[in-house]
Amino acid sequence: MVERLDHCLERLREPEFAEHLWTDDSTVPKAADRIAVLSGLRLRPNNEGALRTRLRQARVGVKHIRFD
């Protein structure tokens, strides 16, 4: 894997990777907004309430539980 590092680092210098998005101190909505702007997309406003958001997040979390 280390032998591919130079290739990967070289690719990251190409124009499509010109802007890096650091998400360490960002929220998911802020990161999504920035990605949309960088991609030339327009997001619809989030009209779901706090309860519906929490329920959706819980449902997604449960769907990702693996039982192997």
PDB file of N, CA and C in Angstrom:
ATOM      1  N   MET A   1       0.820  -1.191   0.000  1.00  0.00           N
ATOM      2  CA  MET A   1       0.000   0.000   0.000  1.00  0.00           C
ATOM      3  C   MET A   1       0.868   1.261   0.000  1.00  0.00           C
ATOM      4  N   VAL A   2       1.973   1.230   0.704  1.00  0.00           N
ATOM      5  CA  VAL A   2       2.858   2.392   0.778  1.00  0.00           C
ATOM      6  C   VAL A   2       3.401   2.754  -0.600  1.00  0.00           C
ATOM      7  N   GLU A   3       3.593   1.748  -1.460  1.00  0.00           N
ATOM      8  CA  GLU A   3       4.139   2.006  -2.783  1.00  0.00           C
ATOM      9  C   GLU A   3       3.185   2.849  -3.643  1.00  0.00           C
ATOM     10  N   ARG A   4       1.913   2.904  -3.293  1.00  0.00           N
ATOM     11  CA  ARG A   4       0.943   3.724  -4.043  1.00  0.00           C
ATOM     12  C   ARG A   4       0.822   5.135  -3.489  1.00  0.00           C
ATOM     13  N   LEU A   5       1.459   5.406  -2.394  1.00  0.00           N
ATOM     14  CA  LEU A   5       1.341   6.708  -1.750  1.00  0.00           C
ATOM     15  C   LEU A   5       1.762   7.841  -2.672  1.00  0.00           C
ATOM     16  N   ASP A   6       2.896   7.709  -3.342  1.00  0.00           N
ATOM     17  CA  ASP A   6       3.350   8.766  -4.253  1.00  0.00           C
ATOM     18  C   ASP A   6       2.328   9.027  -5.350  1.00  0.00           C
ATOM     19  N   HIS A   7       1.768   7.954  -5.890  1.00  0.00           N
ATOM     20  CA  HIS A   7       0.751   8.114  -6.932  1.00  0.00           C
ATOM     21  C   HIS A   7      -0.469   8.866  -6.387  1.00  0.00           C
ATOM     22  N   CYS A   8      -0.927   8.487  -5.217  1.00  0.00           N
ATOM     23  CA  CYS A   8      -2.097   9.132  -4.608  1.00  0.00           C
ATOM     24  C   CYS A   8      -1.830  10.609  -4.310  1.00  0.00           C
ATOM     25  N   LEU A   9      -0.680  10.894  -3.773  1.00  0.00           N
ATOM     26  CA  LEU A   9      -0.344  12.291  -3.472  1.00  0.00           C
ATOM     27  C   LEU A   9      -0.236  13.115  -4.750  1.00  0.00           C
ATOM     28  N   GLU A  10       0.279  12.512  -5.798  1.00  0.00           N
ATOM     29  CA  GLU A  10       0.369  13.206  -7.083  1.00  0.00           C
ATOM     30  C   GLU A  10      -1.023  13.513  -7.630  1.00  0.00           C
ATOM     31  N   ARG A  11      -1.919  12.565  -7.528  1.00  0.00           N
ATOM     32  CA  ARG A  11      -3.300  12.771  -8.000  1.00  0.00           C
ATOM     33  C   ARG A  11      -3.999  13.890  -7.232  1.00  0.00           C
ATOM     34  N   LEU A  12      -3.699  14.013  -5.945  1.00  0.00           N
ATOM     35  CA  LEU A  12      -4.343  15.061  -5.141  1.00  0.00           C
ATOM     36  C   LEU A  12      -3.918  16.466  -5.558  1.00  0.00           C
ATOM     37  N   ARG A  13      -2.891  16.584  -6.364  1.00  0.00           N
ATOM     38  CA  ARG A  13      -2.465  17.895  -6.865  1.00  0.00           C
ATOM     39  C   ARG A  13      -3.233  18.316  -8.109  1.00  0.00           C
ATOM     40  N   GLU A  14      -4.065  17.443  -8.647  1.00  0.00           N
ATOM     41  CA  GLU A  14      -4.809  17.747  -9.861  1.00  0.00           C
ATOM     42  C   GLU A  14      -5.978  18.691  -9.558  1.00  0.00           C
ATOM     43  N   PRO A  15      -6.453  19.424 -10.586  1.00  0.00           N
ATOM     44  CA  PRO A  15      -7.472  20.475 -10.379  1.00  0.00           C
ATOM     45  C   PRO A  15      -8.748  20.016  -9.681  1.00  0.00           C
ATOM     46  N   GLU A  16      -9.202  18.803  -9.966  1.00  0.00           N
ATOM     47  CA  GLU A  16     -10.465  18.374  -9.344  1.00  0.00           C
ATOM     48  C   GLU A  16     -10.362  18.198  -7.839  1.00  0.00           C
ATOM     49  N   PHE A  17      -9.137  18.178  -7.330  1.00  0.00           N
ATOM     50  CA  PHE A  17      -8.925  18.079  -5.884  1.00  0.00           C
ATOM     51  C   PHE A  17      -8.362  19.383  -5.321  1.00  0.00           C
ATOM     52  N   ALA A  18      -8.570  20.483  -6.011  1.00  0.00           N
ATOM     53  CA  ALA A  18      -7.956  21.755  -5.637  1.00  0.00           C
ATOM     54  C   ALA A  18      -8.434  22.263  -4.282  1.00  0.00           C
ATOM     55  N   GLU A  19      -9.673  22.009  -3.952  1.00  0.00           N
ATOM     56  CA  GLU A  19     -10.202  22.496  -2.677  1.00  0.00           C
ATOM     57  C   GLU A  19     -10.466  21.310  -1.757  1.00  0.00           C
ATOM     58  N   HIS A  20      -9.868  21.358  -0.600  1.00  0.00           N
ATOM     59  CA  HIS A  20     -10.067  20.310   0.396  1.00  0.00           C
ATOM     60  C   HIS A  20     -11.028  20.842   1.452  1.00  0.00           C
ATOM     61  N   LEU A  21     -11.933  20.013   1.859  1.00  0.00           N
ATOM     62  CA  LEU A  21     -12.954  20.410   2.827  1.00  0.00           C
ATOM     63  C   LEU A  21     -12.647  19.756   4.162  1.00  0.00           C
ATOM     64  N   TRP A  22     -12.213  20.560   5.100  1.00  0.00           N
ATOM     65  CA  TRP A  22     -11.911  20.055   6.444  1.00  0.00           C
ATOM     66  C   TRP A  22     -13.191  20.077   7.249  1.00  0.00           C
ATOM     67  N   THR A  23     -13.579  18.932   7.771  1.00  0.00           N
ATOM     68  CA  THR A  23     -14.850  18.818   8.484  1.00  0.00           C
ATOM     69  C   THR A  23     -14.677  18.549   9.975  1.00  0.00           C
ATOM     70  N   ASP A  24     -13.447  18.649  10.469  1.00  0.00           N
ATOM     71  CA  ASP A  24     -13.205  18.358  11.884  1.00  0.00           C
ATOM     72  C   ASP A  24     -14.055  19.217  12.811  1.00  0.00           C
ATOM     73  N   ASP A  25     -14.177  20.487  12.500  1.00  0.00           N
ATOM     74  CA  ASP A  25     -14.921  21.413  13.365  1.00  0.00           C
ATOM     75  C   ASP A  25     -16.201  21.895  12.693  1.00  0.00           C
ATOM     76  N   SER A  26     -16.772  21.087  11.827  1.00  0.00           N
ATOM     77  CA  SER A  26     -17.959  21.490  11.082  1.00  0.00           C
ATOM     78  C   SER A  26     -19.110  20.538  11.386  1.00  0.00           C
ATOM     79  N   THR A  27     -20.312  21.033  11.180  1.00  0.00           N
ATOM     80  CA  THR A  27     -21.490  20.180  11.323  1.00  0.00           C
ATOM     81  C   THR A  27     -21.793  19.537   9.974  1.00  0.00           C
ATOM     82  N   VAL A  28     -22.603  18.513   9.983  1.00  0.00           N
ATOM     83  CA  VAL A  28     -22.989  17.850   8.737  1.00  0.00           C
ATOM     84  C   VAL A  28     -23.722  18.823   7.807  1.00  0.00           C
ATOM     85  N   PRO A  29     -24.684  19.603   8.297  1.00  0.00           N
ATOM     86  CA  PRO A  29     -25.356  20.544   7.388  1.00  0.00           C
ATOM     87  C   PRO A  29     -24.402  21.568   6.755  1.00  0.00           C
ATOM     88  N   LYS A  30     -23.448  22.068   7.529  1.00  0.00           N
ATOM     89  CA  LYS A  30     -22.492  23.033   6.972  1.00  0.00           C
ATOM     90  C   LYS A  30     -21.604  22.377   5.919  1.00  0.00           C
ATOM     91  N   ALA A  31     -21.164  21.161   6.181  1.00  0.00           N
ATOM     92  CA  ALA A  31     -20.343  20.441   5.197  1.00  0.00           C
ATOM     93  C   ALA A  31     -21.156  20.172   3.935  1.00  0.00           C
ATOM     94  N   ALA A  32     -22.408  19.763   4.100  1.00  0.00           N
ATOM     95  CA  ALA A  32     -23.262  19.499   2.939  1.00  0.00           C
ATOM     96  C   ALA A  32     -23.482  20.766   2.125  1.00  0.00           C
ATOM     97  N   ASP A  33     -23.701  21.882   2.796  1.00  0.00           N
ATOM     98  CA  ASP A  33     -23.873  23.156   2.086  1.00  0.00           C
ATOM     99  C   ASP A  33     -22.628  23.507   1.282  1.00  0.00           C
ATOM    100  N   ARG A  34     -21.463  23.329   1.874  1.00  0.00           N
ATOM    101  CA  ARG A  34     -20.207  23.658   1.184  1.00  0.00           C
ATOM    102  C   ARG A  34     -19.976  22.736  -0.012  1.00  0.00           C
ATOM    103  N   ILE A  35     -20.267  21.456   0.160  1.00  0.00           N
ATOM    104  CA  ILE A  35     -20.130  20.511  -0.949  1.00  0.00           C
ATOM    105  C   ILE A  35     -21.078  20.883  -2.088  1.00  0.00           C
ATOM    106  N   ALA A  36     -22.291  21.267  -1.736  1.00  0.00           N
ATOM    107  CA  ALA A  36     -23.251  21.672  -2.761  1.00  0.00           C
ATOM    108  C   ALA A  36     -22.745  22.888  -3.524  1.00  0.00           C
ATOM    109  N   VAL A  37     -22.225  23.879  -2.808  1.00  0.00           N
ATOM    110  CA  VAL A  37     -21.691  25.080  -3.461  1.00  0.00           C
ATOM    111  C   VAL A  37     -20.538  24.715  -4.388  1.00  0.00           C
ATOM    112  N   LEU A  38     -19.616  23.902  -3.901  1.00  0.00           N
ATOM    113  CA  LEU A  38     -18.463  23.507  -4.709  1.00  0.00           C
ATOM    114  C   LEU A  38     -18.881  22.701  -5.938  1.00  0.00           C
ATOM    115  N   SER A  39     -19.996  21.978  -5.832  1.00  0.00           N
ATOM    116  CA  SER A  39     -20.467  21.144  -6.932  1.00  0.00           C
ATOM    117  C   SER A  39     -21.434  21.864  -7.855  1.00  0.00           C
ATOM    118  N   GLY A  40     -21.791  23.094  -7.496  1.00  0.00           N
ATOM    119  CA  GLY A  40     -22.745  23.837  -8.312  1.00  0.00           C
ATOM    120  C   GLY A  40     -24.174  23.365  -8.135  1.00  0.00           C
ATOM    121  N   LEU A  41     -24.472  22.783  -6.986  1.00  0.00           N
ATOM    122  CA  LEU A  41     -25.817  22.283  -6.704  1.00  0.00           C
ATOM    123  C   LEU A  41     -26.543  23.211  -5.746  1.00  0.00           C
ATOM    124  N   ARG A  42     -27.846  23.150  -5.782  1.00  0.00           N
ATOM    125  CA  ARG A  42     -28.661  23.941  -4.861  1.00  0.00           C
ATOM    126  C   ARG A  42     -29.488  22.986  -4.016  1.00  0.00           C
ATOM    127  N   LEU A  43     -29.326  23.060  -2.716  1.00  0.00           N
ATOM    128  CA  LEU A  43     -30.042  22.163  -1.811  1.00  0.00           C
ATOM    129  C   LEU A  43     -31.401  22.746  -1.451  1.00  0.00           C
ATOM    130  N   ARG A  44     -32.356  21.844  -1.302  1.00  0.00           N
ATOM    131  CA  ARG A  44     -33.660  22.288  -0.807  1.00  0.00           C
ATOM    132  C   ARG A  44     -33.560  22.514   0.697  1.00  0.00           C
ATOM    133  N   PRO A  45     -34.335  23.428   1.238  1.00  0.00           N
ATOM    134  CA  PRO A  45     -34.281  23.649   2.693  1.00  0.00           C
ATOM    135  C   PRO A  45     -34.774  22.423   3.454  1.00  0.00           C
ATOM    136  N   ASN A  46     -34.200  22.219   4.622  1.00  0.00           N
ATOM    137  CA  ASN A  46     -34.604  21.115   5.485  1.00  0.00           C
ATOM    138  C   ASN A  46     -35.802  21.574   6.301  1.00  0.00           C
ATOM    139  N   ASN A  47     -36.967  21.035   5.980  1.00  0.00           N
ATOM    140  CA  ASN A  47     -38.206  21.443   6.653  1.00  0.00           C
ATOM    141  C   ASN A  47     -38.676  20.450   7.699  1.00  0.00           C
ATOM    142  N   GLU A  48     -37.892  19.395   7.931  1.00  0.00           N
ATOM    143  CA  GLU A  48     -38.329  18.440   8.939  1.00  0.00           C
ATOM    144  C   GLU A  48     -37.939  18.945  10.325  1.00  0.00           C
ATOM    145  N   GLY A  49     -38.766  18.661  11.280  1.00  0.00           N
ATOM    146  CA  GLY A  49     -38.521  19.121  12.638  1.00  0.00           C
ATOM    147  C   GLY A  49     -37.460  18.289  13.343  1.00  0.00           C
ATOM    148  N   ALA A  50     -37.138  18.698  14.552  1.00  0.00           N
ATOM    149  CA  ALA A  50     -36.087  18.042  15.327  1.00  0.00           C
ATOM    150  C   ALA A  50     -36.438  16.580  15.625  1.00  0.00           C
ATOM    151  N   LEU A  51     -37.685  16.302  15.959  1.00  0.00           N
ATOM    152  CA  LEU A  51     -38.098  14.940  16.278  1.00  0.00           C
ATOM    153  C   LEU A  51     -37.975  14.040  15.049  1.00  0.00           C
ATOM    154  N   ARG A  52     -38.470  14.509  13.922  1.00  0.00           N
ATOM    155  CA  ARG A  52     -38.390  13.719  12.689  1.00  0.00           C
ATOM    156  C   ARG A  52     -36.932  13.477  12.294  1.00  0.00           C
ATOM    157  N   THR A  53     -36.076  14.464  12.490  1.00  0.00           N
ATOM    158  CA  THR A  53     -34.654  14.308  12.190  1.00  0.00           C
ATOM    159  C   THR A  53     -34.047  13.222  13.063  1.00  0.00           C
ATOM    160  N   ARG A  54     -34.340  13.245  14.361  1.00  0.00           N
ATOM    161  CA  ARG A  54     -33.797  12.239  15.281  1.00  0.00           C
ATOM    162  C   ARG A  54     -34.298  10.841  14.940  1.00  0.00           C
ATOM    163  N   LEU A  55     -35.568  10.731  14.585  1.00  0.00           N
ATOM    164  CA  LEU A  55     -36.120   9.431  14.205  1.00  0.00           C
ATOM    165  C   LEU A  55     -35.460   8.897  12.937  1.00  0.00           C
ATOM    166  N   ARG A  56     -35.255   9.756  11.948  1.00  0.00           N
ATOM    167  CA  ARG A  56     -34.593   9.351  10.716  1.00  0.00           C
ATOM    168  C   ARG A  56     -33.167   8.903  11.002  1.00  0.00           C
ATOM    169  N   GLN A  57     -32.453   9.653  11.832  1.00  0.00           N
ATOM    170  CA  GLN A  57     -31.077   9.287  12.179  1.00  0.00           C
ATOM    171  C   GLN A  57     -31.036   7.944  12.902  1.00  0.00           C
ATOM    172  N   ALA A  58     -31.983   7.712  13.800  1.00  0.00           N
ATOM    173  CA  ALA A  58     -32.036   6.442  14.523  1.00  0.00           C
ATOM    174  C   ALA A  58     -32.326   5.297  13.562  1.00  0.00           C
ATOM    175  N   ARG A  59     -33.264   5.503  12.634  1.00  0.00           N
ATOM    176  CA  ARG A  59     -33.591   4.468  11.652  1.00  0.00           C
ATOM    177  C   ARG A  59     -32.379   4.111  10.804  1.00  0.00           C
ATOM    178  N   VAL A  60     -31.649   5.105  10.347  1.00  0.00           N
ATOM    179  CA  VAL A  60     -30.438   4.856   9.547  1.00  0.00           C
ATOM    180  C   VAL A  60     -29.410   4.101  10.379  1.00  0.00           C
ATOM    181  N   GLY A  61     -29.246   4.497  11.640  1.00  0.00           N
ATOM    182  CA  GLY A  61     -28.297   3.809  12.508  1.00  0.00           C
ATOM    183  C   GLY A  61     -28.649   2.353  12.703  1.00  0.00           C
ATOM    184  N   VAL A  62     -29.922   2.061  12.907  1.00  0.00           N
ATOM    185  CA  VAL A  62     -30.364   0.680  13.105  1.00  0.00           C
ATOM    186  C   VAL A  62     -30.156  -0.122  11.822  1.00  0.00           C
ATOM    187  N   LYS A  63     -30.388   0.472  10.671  1.00  0.00           N
ATOM    188  CA  LYS A  63     -30.214  -0.237   9.402  1.00  0.00           C
ATOM    189  C   LYS A  63     -28.746  -0.613   9.163  1.00  0.00           C
ATOM    190  N   HIS A  64     -27.817   0.074   9.815  1.00  0.00           N
ATOM    191  CA  HIS A  64     -26.392  -0.207   9.623  1.00  0.00           C
ATOM    192  C   HIS A  64     -25.812  -1.196  10.628  1.00  0.00           C
ATOM    193  N   ILE A  65     -26.651  -1.727  11.512  1.00  0.00           N
ATOM    194  CA  ILE A  65     -26.180  -2.732  12.459  1.00  0.00           C
ATOM    195  C   ILE A  65     -25.981  -4.049  11.708  1.00  0.00           C
ATOM    196  N   ARG A  66     -24.823  -4.635  11.892  1.00  0.00           N
ATOM    197  CA  ARG A  66     -24.521  -5.915  11.240  1.00  0.00           C
ATOM    198  C   ARG A  66     -24.667  -7.044  12.254  1.00  0.00           C
ATOM    199  N   PHE A  67     -25.268  -8.110  11.824  1.00  0.00           N
ATOM    200  CA  PHE A  67     -25.474  -9.289  12.662  1.00  0.00           C
ATOM    201  C   PHE A  67     -24.742 -10.490  12.087  1.00  0.00           C
ATOM    202  N   ASP A  68     -23.411 -10.371  11.853  1.00  0.00           N
ATOM    203  CA  ASP A  68     -22.694 -11.527  11.324  1.00  0.00           C
ATOM    204  C   ASP A  68     -22.080 -12.326  12.427  1.00  0.00           C
TER     205      ASP A  68
END
